[in-house]
């Protein structure tokens, strides 16, 4: 899965990634909490790490590399199952903790 999206805000990015991670294993986004962690480089925000957990120890992950304007998706075994390029994305330098999914 490789596609291109315009997700100019953190809220839009978060919703999109949550749906994509849940869709992989047919999880209900309303019943599956999204974990979110800020990624920093040299003390400055550069992206986000997302994860969902489902039944039977199912885990899916995604990394938004803000400087590269892309999202990489991984399953619990570490296999990449998708990639999204952003034609428009949030400015990673403007991310401030705490983040809420």
N, C-alpha and C. Protein backbone atom coordinates (compact mmCIF):
# COMPACT_ATOMS: atom_id res chain seq x y z
N UNK A 1 0.84 -1.17 0.00
CA UNK A 1 0.00 0.00 0.00
C UNK A 1 0.89 1.24 0.00
N UNK A 2 0.92 1.98 -1.09
CA UNK A 2 1.60 3.28 -1.15
C UNK A 2 0.60 4.25 -1.75
N UNK A 3 0.36 5.34 -1.04
CA UNK A 3 -0.55 6.35 -1.56
C UNK A 3 -0.05 7.74 -1.20
N UNK A 4 -0.75 8.74 -1.66
CA UNK A 4 -0.41 10.13 -1.36
C UNK A 4 -1.63 10.80 -0.75
N UNK A 5 -1.41 11.54 0.32
CA UNK A 5 -2.49 12.22 1.04
C UNK A 5 -2.07 13.64 1.39
N UNK A 6 -3.06 14.49 1.59
CA UNK A 6 -2.84 15.81 2.15
C UNK A 6 -3.42 15.80 3.56
N UNK A 7 -2.53 15.89 4.55
CA UNK A 7 -2.92 15.86 5.97
C UNK A 7 -2.20 17.00 6.68
N UNK A 8 -2.71 18.23 6.52
CA UNK A 8 -1.97 19.40 6.99
C UNK A 8 -1.92 19.61 8.51
N UNK A 9 -2.78 18.92 9.27
CA UNK A 9 -2.77 19.13 10.72
C UNK A 9 -2.43 17.83 11.44
N UNK A 10 -1.97 17.95 12.68
CA UNK A 10 -1.68 16.78 13.50
C UNK A 10 -2.95 15.97 13.72
N UNK A 11 -4.09 16.63 13.92
CA UNK A 11 -5.35 15.93 14.14
C UNK A 11 -5.72 15.08 12.93
N UNK A 12 -5.60 15.63 11.73
CA UNK A 12 -5.92 14.88 10.52
C UNK A 12 -4.95 13.71 10.33
N UNK A 13 -3.68 13.97 10.56
CA UNK A 13 -2.66 12.93 10.46
C UNK A 13 -2.96 11.79 11.43
N UNK A 14 -3.27 12.12 12.66
CA UNK A 14 -3.54 11.13 13.70
C UNK A 14 -4.77 10.29 13.35
N UNK A 15 -5.85 10.92 12.92
CA UNK A 15 -7.06 10.18 12.53
C UNK A 15 -6.78 9.23 11.37
N UNK A 16 -6.05 9.71 10.38
CA UNK A 16 -5.74 8.90 9.20
C UNK A 16 -4.91 7.67 9.58
N UNK A 17 -3.87 7.88 10.38
CA UNK A 17 -3.00 6.78 10.79
C UNK A 17 -3.77 5.77 11.65
N UNK A 18 -4.60 6.27 12.56
CA UNK A 18 -5.39 5.38 13.42
C UNK A 18 -6.28 4.47 12.57
N UNK A 19 -6.97 5.05 11.60
CA UNK A 19 -7.82 4.25 10.71
C UNK A 19 -7.00 3.22 9.92
N UNK A 20 -5.85 3.64 9.41
CA UNK A 20 -5.00 2.74 8.61
C UNK A 20 -4.48 1.57 9.45
N UNK A 21 -4.05 1.85 10.66
CA UNK A 21 -3.54 0.78 11.53
C UNK A 21 -4.64 -0.20 11.91
N UNK A 22 -5.84 0.30 12.16
CA UNK A 22 -6.96 -0.56 12.52
C UNK A 22 -7.45 -1.36 11.31
N UNK A 23 -7.47 -0.73 10.15
CA UNK A 23 -7.95 -1.38 8.94
C UNK A 23 -7.12 -2.61 8.59
N UNK A 24 -5.84 -2.58 8.88
CA UNK A 24 -4.94 -3.70 8.55
C UNK A 24 -5.48 -5.02 9.06
N UNK A 25 -5.99 -5.04 10.30
CA UNK A 25 -6.49 -6.27 10.90
C UNK A 25 -7.96 -6.18 11.27
N UNK A 26 -8.68 -5.32 10.59
CA UNK A 26 -10.12 -5.16 10.75
C UNK A 26 -10.51 -4.89 12.20
N UNK A 27 -9.79 -3.98 12.84
CA UNK A 27 -10.10 -3.55 14.20
C UNK A 27 -11.04 -2.35 14.13
N UNK A 28 -11.89 -2.20 15.13
CA UNK A 28 -12.79 -1.06 15.22
C UNK A 28 -12.04 0.10 15.86
N UNK A 29 -11.83 1.21 15.13
CA UNK A 29 -11.09 2.34 15.71
C UNK A 29 -11.74 2.90 16.98
N UNK A 30 -13.07 2.77 17.10
CA UNK A 30 -13.74 3.26 18.31
C UNK A 30 -13.44 2.39 19.53
N UNK A 31 -13.03 1.15 19.30
CA UNK A 31 -12.74 0.23 20.38
C UNK A 31 -11.24 -0.02 20.56
N UNK A 32 -10.43 0.59 19.70
CA UNK A 32 -8.99 0.35 19.72
C UNK A 32 -8.24 1.65 20.00
N UNK A 33 -7.71 1.81 21.20
CA UNK A 33 -6.99 3.04 21.53
C UNK A 33 -5.71 3.19 20.70
N UNK A 34 -5.37 4.42 20.43
CA UNK A 34 -4.15 4.74 19.69
C UNK A 34 -3.13 5.31 20.65
N UNK A 35 -1.93 4.73 20.65
CA UNK A 35 -0.82 5.28 21.43
C UNK A 35 0.00 6.19 20.54
N UNK A 36 0.55 7.23 21.11
CA UNK A 36 1.25 8.26 20.34
C UNK A 36 2.46 8.74 21.14
N UNK A 37 3.63 8.74 20.49
CA UNK A 37 4.86 9.19 21.14
C UNK A 37 5.61 10.13 20.22
N UNK A 38 6.12 11.20 20.77
CA UNK A 38 6.90 12.17 20.02
C UNK A 38 8.30 11.61 19.74
N UNK A 39 8.76 11.77 18.52
CA UNK A 39 10.12 11.38 18.15
C UNK A 39 10.94 12.66 18.03
N UNK A 40 12.12 12.66 18.64
CA UNK A 40 12.99 13.84 18.58
C UNK A 40 14.35 13.47 18.01
N UNK A 41 14.97 14.47 17.43
CA UNK A 41 16.35 14.34 16.94
C UNK A 41 17.10 15.57 17.44
N UNK A 42 18.17 15.32 18.18
CA UNK A 42 18.95 16.42 18.77
C UNK A 42 18.07 17.35 19.59
N UNK A 43 17.09 16.76 20.27
CA UNK A 43 16.22 17.54 21.16
C UNK A 43 15.09 18.27 20.47
N UNK A 44 14.95 18.13 19.16
CA UNK A 44 13.88 18.82 18.43
C UNK A 44 12.91 17.80 17.84
N UNK A 45 11.59 18.10 17.86
CA UNK A 45 10.62 17.16 17.30
C UNK A 45 10.86 16.94 15.81
N UNK A 46 10.74 15.67 15.39
CA UNK A 46 10.93 15.37 13.97
C UNK A 46 9.88 14.38 13.44
N UNK A 47 9.03 13.86 14.32
CA UNK A 47 8.01 12.92 13.87
C UNK A 47 7.22 12.35 15.02
N UNK A 48 6.39 11.36 14.70
CA UNK A 48 5.55 10.70 15.69
C UNK A 48 5.59 9.19 15.50
N UNK A 49 5.48 8.47 16.61
CA UNK A 49 5.37 7.02 16.61
C UNK A 49 3.96 6.68 17.08
N UNK A 50 3.23 5.91 16.28
CA UNK A 50 1.86 5.52 16.59
C UNK A 50 1.82 4.02 16.81
N UNK A 51 0.92 3.55 17.70
CA UNK A 51 0.72 2.11 17.83
C UNK A 51 -0.70 1.80 18.30
N UNK A 52 -1.20 0.66 17.86
CA UNK A 52 -2.48 0.13 18.33
C UNK A 52 -2.25 -1.30 18.78
N UNK A 53 -3.05 -1.73 19.75
CA UNK A 53 -3.01 -3.10 20.23
C UNK A 53 -4.40 -3.68 20.10
N UNK A 54 -4.47 -4.89 19.57
CA UNK A 54 -5.73 -5.57 19.42
C UNK A 54 -5.74 -6.85 20.24
N UNK A 55 -6.73 -7.69 20.00
CA UNK A 55 -6.79 -8.95 20.73
C UNK A 55 -5.65 -9.89 20.34
N UNK A 56 -5.40 -10.84 21.20
CA UNK A 56 -4.37 -11.86 20.96
C UNK A 56 -2.99 -11.26 20.70
N UNK A 57 -2.66 -10.24 21.47
CA UNK A 57 -1.35 -9.58 21.41
C UNK A 57 -1.04 -8.96 20.05
N UNK A 58 -2.05 -8.67 19.26
CA UNK A 58 -1.87 -8.03 17.97
C UNK A 58 -1.38 -6.59 18.18
N UNK A 59 -0.35 -6.20 17.44
CA UNK A 59 0.18 -4.84 17.53
C UNK A 59 0.55 -4.36 16.14
N UNK A 60 0.15 -3.16 15.81
CA UNK A 60 0.55 -2.52 14.56
C UNK A 60 1.15 -1.16 14.91
N UNK A 61 2.11 -0.73 14.11
CA UNK A 61 2.84 0.49 14.37
C UNK A 61 2.91 1.36 13.12
N UNK A 62 3.13 2.64 13.32
CA UNK A 62 3.40 3.54 12.21
C UNK A 62 4.36 4.62 12.69
N UNK A 63 5.19 5.08 11.77
CA UNK A 63 6.12 6.17 12.05
C UNK A 63 5.88 7.27 11.03
N UNK A 64 5.61 8.47 11.53
CA UNK A 64 5.53 9.63 10.65
C UNK A 64 6.89 10.31 10.71
N UNK A 65 7.60 10.27 9.59
CA UNK A 65 8.89 10.95 9.46
C UNK A 65 8.58 12.33 8.89
N UNK A 66 8.45 13.30 9.77
CA UNK A 66 8.00 14.63 9.38
C UNK A 66 8.87 15.31 8.35
N UNK A 67 10.18 15.16 8.48
CA UNK A 67 11.09 15.83 7.54
C UNK A 67 11.03 15.19 6.15
N UNK A 68 10.63 13.92 6.09
CA UNK A 68 10.53 13.21 4.81
C UNK A 68 9.12 13.24 4.24
N UNK A 69 8.17 13.76 5.02
CA UNK A 69 6.76 13.81 4.62
C UNK A 69 6.23 12.45 4.19
N UNK A 70 6.46 11.43 5.05
CA UNK A 70 5.92 10.11 4.76
C UNK A 70 5.61 9.37 6.05
N UNK A 71 4.68 8.42 5.93
CA UNK A 71 4.27 7.57 7.03
C UNK A 71 4.59 6.13 6.64
N UNK A 72 5.24 5.41 7.52
CA UNK A 72 5.59 4.01 7.29
C UNK A 72 4.79 3.16 8.26
N UNK A 73 4.17 2.08 7.77
CA UNK A 73 3.32 1.21 8.58
C UNK A 73 3.97 -0.15 8.74
N UNK A 74 3.90 -0.71 9.98
CA UNK A 74 4.50 -2.00 10.29
C UNK A 74 3.53 -2.85 11.09
N UNK A 75 3.60 -4.16 10.86
CA UNK A 75 2.81 -5.07 11.68
C UNK A 75 3.64 -5.50 12.89
N UNK A 76 3.05 -6.32 13.76
CA UNK A 76 3.71 -6.74 14.98
C UNK A 76 4.98 -7.53 14.76
N UNK A 77 5.13 -8.13 13.58
CA UNK A 77 6.35 -8.87 13.26
C UNK A 77 7.45 -8.01 12.67
N UNK A 78 7.19 -6.71 12.56
CA UNK A 78 8.19 -5.80 12.03
C UNK A 78 8.18 -5.68 10.52
N UNK A 79 7.23 -6.33 9.85
CA UNK A 79 7.12 -6.26 8.39
C UNK A 79 6.39 -4.98 7.98
N UNK A 80 6.98 -4.26 7.04
CA UNK A 80 6.32 -3.06 6.55
C UNK A 80 5.16 -3.48 5.66
N UNK A 81 3.97 -2.90 5.92
CA UNK A 81 2.82 -3.24 5.09
C UNK A 81 2.26 -2.05 4.33
N UNK A 82 2.87 -0.89 4.46
CA UNK A 82 2.38 0.24 3.70
C UNK A 82 3.21 1.49 3.89
N UNK A 83 2.93 2.45 3.03
CA UNK A 83 3.62 3.73 3.07
C UNK A 83 2.69 4.79 2.49
N UNK A 84 2.66 5.94 3.13
CA UNK A 84 1.88 7.08 2.64
C UNK A 84 2.80 8.27 2.50
N UNK A 85 2.79 8.87 1.33
CA UNK A 85 3.53 10.12 1.10
C UNK A 85 2.57 11.27 1.34
N UNK A 86 3.06 12.33 1.96
CA UNK A 86 2.22 13.49 2.23
C UNK A 86 2.54 14.61 1.25
N UNK A 87 1.53 15.02 0.49
CA UNK A 87 1.70 16.17 -0.38
C UNK A 87 1.70 17.45 0.45
N UNK A 88 1.02 17.38 1.60
CA UNK A 88 1.00 18.47 2.56
C UNK A 88 0.89 17.84 3.93
N UNK A 89 1.76 18.23 4.84
CA UNK A 89 1.76 17.65 6.18
C UNK A 89 2.05 18.71 7.23
N UNK A 90 1.87 18.35 8.50
CA UNK A 90 2.16 19.29 9.58
C UNK A 90 3.66 19.60 9.66
N UNK A 91 3.97 20.70 10.26
CA UNK A 91 5.36 21.07 10.50
C UNK A 91 5.83 20.34 11.76
N UNK A 92 6.78 19.43 11.65
CA UNK A 92 7.21 18.67 12.84
C UNK A 92 7.80 19.57 13.93
N UNK A 93 8.34 20.70 13.56
CA UNK A 93 8.92 21.61 14.55
C UNK A 93 7.85 22.27 15.45
N UNK A 94 6.61 22.21 15.03
CA UNK A 94 5.51 22.84 15.79
C UNK A 94 4.77 21.86 16.70
N UNK A 95 5.22 20.61 16.77
CA UNK A 95 4.60 19.63 17.65
C UNK A 95 5.05 19.92 19.07
N UNK A 96 4.08 19.97 19.97
CA UNK A 96 4.42 20.20 21.37
C UNK A 96 3.72 19.17 22.25
N UNK A 97 4.44 18.52 23.15
CA UNK A 97 3.80 17.61 24.08
C UNK A 97 2.96 18.40 25.08
N UNK A 98 1.98 17.84 25.74
CA UNK A 98 1.56 16.46 25.59
C UNK A 98 0.64 16.31 24.37
N UNK A 99 0.72 15.15 23.75
CA UNK A 99 -0.11 14.84 22.60
C UNK A 99 -1.28 13.97 23.03
N UNK A 100 -2.42 14.22 22.47
CA UNK A 100 -3.60 13.38 22.74
C UNK A 100 -4.06 12.77 21.43
N UNK A 101 -4.31 11.48 21.45
CA UNK A 101 -4.76 10.79 20.24
C UNK A 101 -6.22 11.09 19.96
